[in-house]
Amino acid sequence: MLLSLPAMSGGIFDYCSGEAGRKACIRLPKGGKYVRAILYCHQNMTEEVLFRSPVFTGRMDSLGVAMAFVQSGSQNWDVSTGCGERFDSIMADFARGTRHPEILSAPVIPFGHSAQATFPWNFAAWNPDRTLCVISFHGDAPRTNLCGYGRANIEWGRTRNIDSIAGLMVMGEYEWWEARLRPALAFRMMYPESRISLLCDTGRGHFDMSEETMLYIAAFIEKSLANPRPSGGTMLSRWFADGSVSDDPHEMFWYHDEEMAAMTRRRHEAHAGKRMQYVSARIDGAIVPYDTTAHIKLSATVPGRTIRIEPVFTDETRTAVSGEHAPTKPRVVLISGPAVRVDEYTFEYDPDYFGADPRRLWSGITFCIEADGDSIYKPAVQELNIRLR
């Protein structure tokens, strides 16, 4: 069945199936191209940003990569729960429904954000022959003990591994947590044939995805398509908050080649030593309260269907407007949930987003207030959750 999704760029999916809350949709590369690979996303948050982005979808079109979006996907890829059988069924349905039989055997790029950031590594461990590369975004290390979904990881056993499969872990600078990084370094030492890359998403947080980062991910996918099981590569020091580098092999990660390493190095050095600036949102003339204890620090309830958000620069407390910032205009970015943009700062609730009653499927509508940096200030990001009543 075909499904039009206005809030995700006017029906960007070519085919969808499944009942409400368990839909599986696919976007084919434009131009009737042969599907070379499938970016396989489970619904969480920033996965939706990729599907809305003409920059990212354009790059996937040029590479012949289809993009799949699956609701209620397994967070840990525990095959005892039937997630493997569901995956096979989804791929078979996509192949039939789109008349692209190559989907049945096309390599898969499992992608997950936050609570869905563990599943890509485990998918690869159970499906190494089907996996092109792995992307854990603002996420987890392979075999981490700090899963984004907050429960125990699954065991791989003695013989299962992801040797020679290129994997990318992305962690935002403003969400950085050394305890989340250490399992990745330990994994590299335990599995010397692993190919684990790390990007510190400098100037970014947990809920956002910049076009610069999308292009980095696209480059990683392109390199993986060209060299699916790399035997060589380049090693590069991990990111340190103070801007230092290390030549200790225990503090280094693997990259496809020097070009990818140089791209990573530029990202890691881009905002070193710069000052912080802060952003928030005004709704109905008042700055939204900032809750330091909450996962999403800004939240508000709005009556009706129309959401008007005014981004503002603030001081560090996010309670008062500040003039200490880069000479740039802050913006509002829709991250996740049933809404469509009306104008620069206005959004409208979309009751048909992924079918009827989307409020049951999304816990509010998530936005990000963003501002670019300059030679003095780092970029600023601040997440915001809106509930409608």
Protein backbone atom coordinates (compact mmCIF):
# COMPACT_ATOMS: atom_id res chain seq x y z
CA MET A 1 0.00 0.00 0.00
CA LEU A 2 1.14 3.55 -0.69
CA LEU A 3 1.15 6.03 2.17
CA SER A 4 1.48 9.81 1.99
CA LEU A 5 3.23 11.46 4.92
CA PRO A 6 3.00 15.27 4.59
CA ALA A 7 5.07 15.94 7.71
CA MET A 8 7.94 13.98 6.23
CA SER A 9 8.20 15.95 2.97
CA GLY A 10 4.96 15.07 1.22
CA GLY A 11 4.87 11.32 0.82
CA ILE A 12 8.57 10.56 0.70
CA PHE A 13 8.01 6.82 1.11
CA ASP A 14 7.45 4.69 -1.98
CA TYR A 15 5.88 1.78 -0.12
CA CYS A 16 4.50 1.06 3.35
CA SER A 17 2.87 -1.92 5.02
CA GLY A 18 1.77 -2.99 8.49
CA GLU A 19 -0.82 -1.82 10.96
CA ALA A 20 -0.78 1.39 13.02
CA GLY A 21 2.17 1.42 15.38
CA ARG A 22 4.03 -1.31 13.51
CA LYS A 23 4.41 0.17 10.04
CA ALA A 24 7.44 -0.51 7.86
CA CYS A 25 8.12 1.97 5.05
CA ILE A 26 10.79 2.26 2.40
CA ARG A 27 12.10 5.13 0.30
CA LEU A 28 13.73 4.00 -2.95
CA PRO A 29 16.67 5.82 -4.56
CA LYS A 30 15.27 8.21 -7.14
CA GLY A 31 15.64 7.61 -10.85
CA GLY A 32 14.57 3.97 -10.80
CA LYS A 33 18.02 2.91 -9.65
CA TYR A 34 19.00 -0.58 -8.62
CA VAL A 35 19.01 -0.82 -4.82
CA ARG A 36 22.64 -1.31 -3.81
CA ALA A 37 22.01 -1.20 -0.05
CA ILE A 38 19.30 -0.39 2.50
CA LEU A 39 19.69 2.05 5.40
CA TYR A 40 17.56 0.26 7.98
CA CYS A 41 16.24 2.54 10.76
CA HIS A 42 14.10 1.79 13.79
CA GLN A 43 11.92 4.66 14.95
CA ASN A 44 13.32 6.65 17.85
CA MET A 45 13.97 10.33 17.08
CA THR A 46 16.66 11.65 14.74
CA GLU A 47 16.02 8.87 12.24
CA GLU A 48 13.13 11.04 11.07
CA VAL A 49 15.48 13.95 10.38
CA LEU A 50 17.33 11.87 7.76
CA PHE A 51 14.13 11.19 5.83
CA ARG A 52 13.17 14.87 5.84
CA SER A 53 16.59 16.06 4.68
CA PRO A 54 17.02 16.76 0.94
CA VAL A 55 20.77 16.88 1.56
CA PHE A 56 20.94 13.35 2.98
CA THR A 57 18.30 11.76 0.76
CA GLY A 58 20.02 13.28 -2.27
CA ARG A 59 23.28 11.62 -1.27
CA MET A 60 21.53 8.29 -0.77
CA ASP A 61 19.94 8.66 -4.22
CA SER A 62 23.36 9.18 -5.78
CA LEU A 63 24.66 6.03 -4.05
CA GLY A 64 21.64 3.86 -4.86
CA VAL A 65 20.77 3.40 -1.17
CA ALA A 66 17.16 2.81 -0.15
CA MET A 67 15.99 4.01 3.27
CA ALA A 68 13.72 1.90 5.47
CA PHE A 69 11.83 3.21 8.53
CA VAL A 70 10.41 0.61 10.92
CA GLN A 71 8.13 1.29 13.87
CA SER A 72 8.34 -0.71 17.10
CA GLY A 73 11.69 -2.21 16.15
CA SER A 74 13.72 -4.28 18.60
CA GLN A 75 15.98 -2.15 20.79
CA ASN A 76 18.49 -4.90 21.54
CA TRP A 77 17.99 -7.27 18.58
CA ASP A 78 17.22 -10.22 20.79
CA VAL A 79 16.51 -12.86 18.13
CA SER A 80 14.54 -14.98 20.61
CA THR A 81 11.76 -12.36 20.37
CA GLY A 82 11.27 -12.88 16.62
CA CYS A 83 12.95 -9.69 15.39
CA GLY A 84 14.93 -11.66 12.79
CA GLU A 85 11.79 -13.21 11.34
CA ARG A 86 10.10 -9.80 11.25
CA PHE A 87 13.10 -8.36 9.40
CA ASP A 88 12.93 -11.14 6.80
CA SER A 89 9.20 -10.59 6.38
CA ILE A 90 9.65 -6.82 5.96
CA MET A 91 12.35 -7.28 3.32
CA ALA A 92 10.25 -9.80 1.41
CA ASP A 93 7.27 -7.44 1.49
CA PHE A 94 9.40 -4.50 0.32
CA ALA A 95 10.76 -6.58 -2.57
CA ARG A 96 7.25 -7.58 -3.69
CA GLY A 97 5.59 -4.23 -3.11
CA THR A 98 8.24 -2.13 -4.87
CA ARG A 99 9.06 -4.68 -7.60
CA HIS A 100 12.71 -4.48 -6.60
CA PRO A 101 13.65 -8.13 -6.05
CA GLU A 102 17.25 -7.15 -5.27
CA ILE A 103 15.98 -5.90 -1.87
CA LEU A 104 15.80 -9.54 -0.76
CA SER A 105 19.60 -9.80 -0.76
CA ALA A 106 20.76 -6.15 -0.67
CA PRO A 107 23.29 -5.39 2.08
CA VAL A 108 21.87 -3.60 5.11
CA ILE A 109 23.15 -0.56 7.03
CA PRO A 110 21.53 -0.77 10.48
CA PHE A 111 21.18 2.76 11.92
CA GLY A 112 19.91 3.67 15.37
CA HIS A 113 19.78 6.69 17.65
CA SER A 114 19.84 6.73 21.47
CA ALA A 115 17.47 4.01 22.74
CA GLN A 116 17.82 2.36 19.33
CA ALA A 117 21.61 2.76 19.16
CA THR A 118 22.48 -0.72 20.49
CA PHE A 119 20.51 -2.72 17.96
CA PRO A 120 22.78 -1.90 14.95
CA TRP A 121 25.80 -3.64 16.51
CA ASN A 122 23.77 -6.68 17.55
CA PHE A 123 22.07 -6.86 14.15
CA ALA A 124 25.52 -7.08 12.55
CA ALA A 125 26.69 -9.76 14.98
CA TRP A 126 23.70 -11.95 14.08
CA ASN A 127 23.69 -11.03 10.37
CA PRO A 128 27.34 -10.39 9.39
CA ASP A 129 26.88 -11.58 5.80
CA ARG A 130 23.93 -9.22 5.31
CA THR A 131 25.53 -6.16 6.98
CA LEU A 132 27.34 -3.57 4.89
CA CYS A 133 28.31 -1.27 7.78
CA VAL A 134 26.96 -0.17 11.18
CA ILE A 135 25.96 3.31 12.41
CA SER A 136 25.22 3.95 16.09
CA PHE A 137 24.23 7.62 16.24
CA HIS A 138 24.56 9.56 19.50
CA GLY A 139 24.70 6.08 20.73
CA ASP A 140 26.53 3.10 22.01
CA ALA A 141 29.68 1.05 21.68
CA PRO A 142 29.45 -2.56 20.53
CA ARG A 143 28.74 -4.87 23.47
CA THR A 144 28.35 -1.85 25.74
CA ASN A 145 27.21 -2.19 29.34
CA LEU A 146 25.47 1.21 29.05
CA CYS A 147 22.74 0.57 26.52
CA GLY A 148 20.74 3.61 25.48
CA TYR A 149 17.50 1.81 26.35
CA GLY A 150 18.63 1.41 29.98
CA ARG A 151 18.58 -2.37 30.30
CA ALA A 152 21.13 -5.13 29.99
CA ASN A 153 22.72 -5.87 26.63
CA ILE A 154 22.44 -9.30 25.04
CA GLU A 155 25.40 -11.68 24.99
CA TRP A 156 27.06 -12.56 21.69
CA GLY A 157 28.62 -15.82 22.83
CA ARG A 158 32.20 -16.93 22.26
CA THR A 159 32.27 -17.12 18.46
CA ARG A 160 30.06 -14.26 17.27
CA ASN A 161 31.82 -11.07 16.14
CA ILE A 162 31.70 -8.20 13.64
CA ASP A 163 35.26 -8.54 12.36
CA SER A 164 36.01 -6.49 9.22
CA ILE A 165 32.58 -4.81 9.23
CA ALA A 166 32.99 -1.02 9.27
CA GLY A 167 31.18 0.45 12.27
CA LEU A 168 30.66 4.08 13.26
CA MET A 169 29.90 5.33 16.77
CA VAL A 170 28.88 9.00 16.98
CA MET A 171 28.75 10.84 20.33
CA GLY A 172 27.87 14.52 20.65
CA GLU A 173 30.28 16.87 22.42
CA TYR A 174 27.52 18.18 24.73
CA GLU A 175 26.44 14.67 25.72
CA TRP A 176 30.00 13.32 26.09
CA TRP A 177 30.42 10.64 28.73
CA GLU A 178 33.74 8.82 29.09
CA ALA A 179 32.00 5.75 30.51
CA ARG A 180 30.16 5.33 27.20
CA LEU A 181 33.40 5.54 25.23
CA ARG A 182 35.42 3.01 27.21
CA PRO A 183 33.53 -0.09 26.01
CA ALA A 184 34.37 0.89 22.42
CA LEU A 185 38.09 1.08 23.20
CA ALA A 186 37.89 -2.21 25.08
CA PHE A 187 36.06 -3.82 22.15
CA ARG A 188 38.82 -2.75 19.77
CA MET A 189 41.43 -4.41 21.98
CA MET A 190 39.34 -7.57 22.41
CA TYR A 191 38.61 -7.84 18.69
CA PRO A 192 41.69 -6.58 16.81
CA GLU A 193 40.06 -7.34 13.43
CA SER A 194 37.15 -5.02 14.20
CA ARG A 195 36.81 -1.77 12.24
CA ILE A 196 35.36 0.74 14.69
CA SER A 197 35.32 4.47 13.89
CA LEU A 198 34.45 7.23 16.34
CA LEU A 199 33.16 10.70 15.53
CA CYS A 200 32.86 13.26 18.28
CA ASP A 201 29.99 15.35 16.93
CA THR A 202 31.55 18.60 18.10
CA GLY A 203 29.23 21.50 18.83
CA ARG A 204 26.26 19.13 18.98
CA GLY A 205 24.16 17.43 21.66
CA HIS A 206 22.08 14.26 21.90
CA PHE A 207 18.85 15.09 20.06
CA ASP A 208 20.10 16.96 16.99
CA MET A 209 21.65 16.13 13.63
CA SER A 210 23.40 18.76 11.53
CA GLU A 211 23.81 18.64 7.75
CA GLU A 212 27.55 18.49 8.32
CA THR A 213 27.09 15.28 10.30
CA MET A 214 24.69 13.87 7.70
CA LEU A 215 27.35 14.39 5.03
CA TYR A 216 29.92 12.66 7.24
CA ILE A 217 27.61 9.66 7.63
CA ALA A 218 26.98 9.66 3.87
CA ALA A 219 30.74 9.64 3.25
CA PHE A 220 31.13 6.72 5.64
CA ILE A 221 28.42 4.81 3.74
CA GLU A 222 30.05 5.63 0.40
CA LYS A 223 33.42 4.35 1.62
CA SER A 224 31.77 1.18 2.90
CA LEU A 225 30.04 0.56 -0.44
CA ALA A 226 33.37 0.92 -2.23
CA ASN A 227 35.19 -1.32 0.25
CA PRO A 228 32.70 -3.51 2.17
CA ARG A 229 35.26 -5.52 4.14
CA PRO A 230 38.28 -3.23 4.50
CA SER A 231 41.55 -4.88 5.34
CA GLY A 232 43.62 -1.71 5.69
CA GLY A 233 42.71 1.70 7.04
CA THR A 234 44.07 4.60 9.07
CA MET A 235 44.26 5.00 12.83
CA LEU A 236 43.47 8.31 14.52
CA SER A 237 43.46 9.53 18.11
CA ARG A 238 40.12 9.69 19.87
CA TRP A 239 38.67 13.09 20.72
CA PHE A 240 39.73 14.74 23.99
CA ALA A 241 37.85 17.67 25.47
CA ASP A 242 41.05 19.68 25.94
CA GLY A 243 41.99 19.31 22.28
CA SER A 244 44.95 17.02 22.91
CA VAL A 245 45.76 13.94 20.83
CA SER A 246 47.31 10.59 21.70
CA ASP A 247 49.57 8.16 19.88
CA ASP A 248 48.67 5.40 22.34
CA PRO A 249 47.05 2.61 20.26
CA HIS A 250 44.62 2.03 23.14
CA GLU A 251 43.24 5.55 22.56
CA MET A 252 42.87 5.34 18.78
CA PHE A 253 40.13 4.36 16.36
CA TRP A 254 40.08 2.96 12.84
CA TYR A 255 39.02 4.89 9.71
CA HIS A 256 38.56 3.77 6.11
CA ASP A 257 41.41 5.89 4.78
CA GLU A 258 43.30 9.13 5.27
CA GLU A 259 40.49 11.13 3.65
CA MET A 260 38.00 9.89 6.25
CA ALA A 261 40.53 10.43 9.04
CA ALA A 262 41.16 13.99 7.85
CA MET A 263 37.42 14.68 7.78
CA THR A 264 37.20 13.39 11.35
CA ARG A 265 40.19 15.43 12.46
CA ARG A 266 38.63 18.62 11.07
CA ARG A 267 35.43 17.94 12.98
CA HIS A 268 37.34 17.27 16.19
CA GLU A 269 39.37 20.46 15.88
CA ALA A 270 36.63 22.75 14.55
CA HIS A 271 35.47 24.28 17.85
CA ALA A 272 38.36 23.62 20.21
CA GLY A 273 38.92 26.45 22.67
CA LYS A 274 35.80 28.40 21.71
CA ARG A 275 33.27 29.85 24.12
CA MET A 276 29.85 28.37 24.79
CA GLN A 277 26.67 30.15 23.77
CA TYR A 278 23.20 29.11 24.87
CA VAL A 279 19.75 29.03 23.30
CA SER A 280 16.24 28.46 24.51
CA ALA A 281 12.66 29.01 23.35
CA ARG A 282 9.92 31.49 24.10
CA ILE A 283 6.32 30.33 23.89
CA ASP A 284 3.51 32.86 24.37
CA GLY A 285 6.14 35.44 25.33
CA ALA A 286 7.72 33.44 28.17
CA ILE A 287 10.99 31.51 28.16
CA VAL A 288 10.30 27.80 28.59
CA PRO A 289 11.55 26.60 32.02
CA TYR A 290 14.84 24.68 31.94
CA ASP A 291 14.82 21.41 33.94
CA THR A 292 18.35 20.17 34.64
CA THR A 293 17.01 16.82 35.88
CA ALA A 294 14.99 15.96 32.79
CA HIS A 295 16.17 13.97 29.78
CA ILE A 296 14.67 16.63 27.50
CA LYS A 297 15.50 19.83 29.34
CA LEU A 298 12.79 22.06 27.84
CA SER A 299 9.15 20.96 27.72
CA ALA A 300 5.86 22.77 27.33
CA THR A 301 2.19 22.05 26.73
CA VAL A 302 0.41 23.98 23.99
CA PRO A 303 -3.36 24.20 23.47
CA GLY A 304 -4.85 23.45 20.07
CA ARG A 305 -3.03 22.33 16.94
CA THR A 306 -0.69 25.26 16.25
CA ILE A 307 2.78 25.47 17.79
CA ARG A 308 4.61 28.81 17.68
CA ILE A 309 8.21 28.70 18.93
CA GLU A 310 10.45 31.76 19.17
CA PRO A 311 14.16 30.84 19.55
CA VAL A 312 16.26 33.12 21.77
CA PHE A 313 19.85 33.37 23.00
CA THR A 314 20.13 33.11 26.78
CA ASP A 315 22.67 33.06 29.54
CA GLU A 316 24.02 29.77 30.92
CA THR A 317 20.97 29.31 33.18
CA ARG A 318 18.61 29.47 30.17
CA THR A 319 16.39 31.84 32.15
CA ALA A 320 17.41 35.28 30.82
CA VAL A 321 18.02 36.63 27.33
CA SER A 322 21.70 37.26 26.61
CA GLY A 323 23.64 39.33 24.08
CA GLU A 324 26.76 37.16 24.35
CA HIS A 325 26.56 35.03 21.23
CA ALA A 326 27.67 34.73 17.64
CA PRO A 327 26.08 37.13 15.11
CA THR A 328 23.75 34.47 13.79
CA LYS A 329 20.02 33.85 13.77
CA PRO A 330 18.83 30.86 15.80
CA ARG A 331 16.45 28.41 14.13
CA VAL A 332 13.87 25.80 15.07
CA VAL A 333 14.35 22.28 13.68
CA LEU A 334 11.65 19.62 13.79
CA ILE A 335 13.24 16.41 15.05
CA SER A 336 10.46 13.91 15.63
CA GLY A 337 6.73 13.57 15.83
CA PRO A 338 3.41 14.44 14.17
CA ALA A 339 3.92 17.99 12.96
CA VAL A 340 4.45 19.89 9.73
CA ARG A 341 6.22 23.24 9.33
CA VAL A 342 4.01 26.21 8.40
CA ASP A 343 6.64 28.94 8.43
CA GLU A 344 10.00 29.68 10.04
CA TYR A 345 8.77 29.39 13.63
CA THR A 346 5.26 27.91 13.28
CA PHE A 347 4.27 24.23 13.12
CA GLU A 348 0.93 22.47 12.83
CA TYR A 349 -0.11 19.16 14.37
CA ASP A 350 -0.55 16.47 11.71
CA PRO A 351 -3.23 13.94 12.72
CA ASP A 352 -2.39 11.66 9.75
CA TYR A 353 1.28 11.24 10.55
CA PHE A 354 1.88 7.49 10.06
CA GLY A 355 -1.86 6.89 10.19
CA ALA A 356 -4.57 7.77 12.68
CA ASP A 357 -3.93 8.77 16.29
CA PRO A 358 -0.18 9.52 16.13
CA ARG A 359 -0.19 10.89 19.68
CA ARG A 360 -0.35 7.28 20.80
CA LEU A 361 2.93 6.55 19.00
CA TRP A 362 5.00 9.66 19.82
CA SER A 363 5.45 11.04 23.34
CA GLY A 364 5.10 14.62 22.22
CA ILE A 365 6.75 16.49 19.34
CA THR A 366 10.49 17.04 19.66
CA PHE A 367 12.24 20.13 18.31
CA CYS A 368 15.76 21.48 18.57
CA ILE A 369 16.72 25.13 18.90
CA GLU A 370 19.99 25.56 17.02
CA ALA A 371 22.46 28.37 16.38
CA ASP A 372 25.66 28.30 14.35
CA GLY A 373 28.98 29.25 15.89
CA ASP A 374 31.75 31.50 14.63
CA SER A 375 35.45 32.09 15.38
CA ILE A 376 34.62 32.87 19.03
CA TYR A 377 31.57 30.77 19.92
CA LYS A 378 30.73 27.08 19.55
CA PRO A 379 27.41 26.11 17.94
CA ALA A 380 24.48 25.90 20.35
CA VAL A 381 21.69 23.33 20.52
CA GLN A 382 18.80 22.84 22.92
CA GLU A 383 16.09 20.19 22.74
CA LEU A 384 12.42 21.01 23.33
CA ASN A 385 9.44 18.67 23.74
CA ILE A 386 5.93 19.94 23.03
CA ARG A 387 2.73 18.22 24.11
CA LEU A 388 -0.65 19.25 22.79
CA ARG A 389 -3.84 19.40 24.79
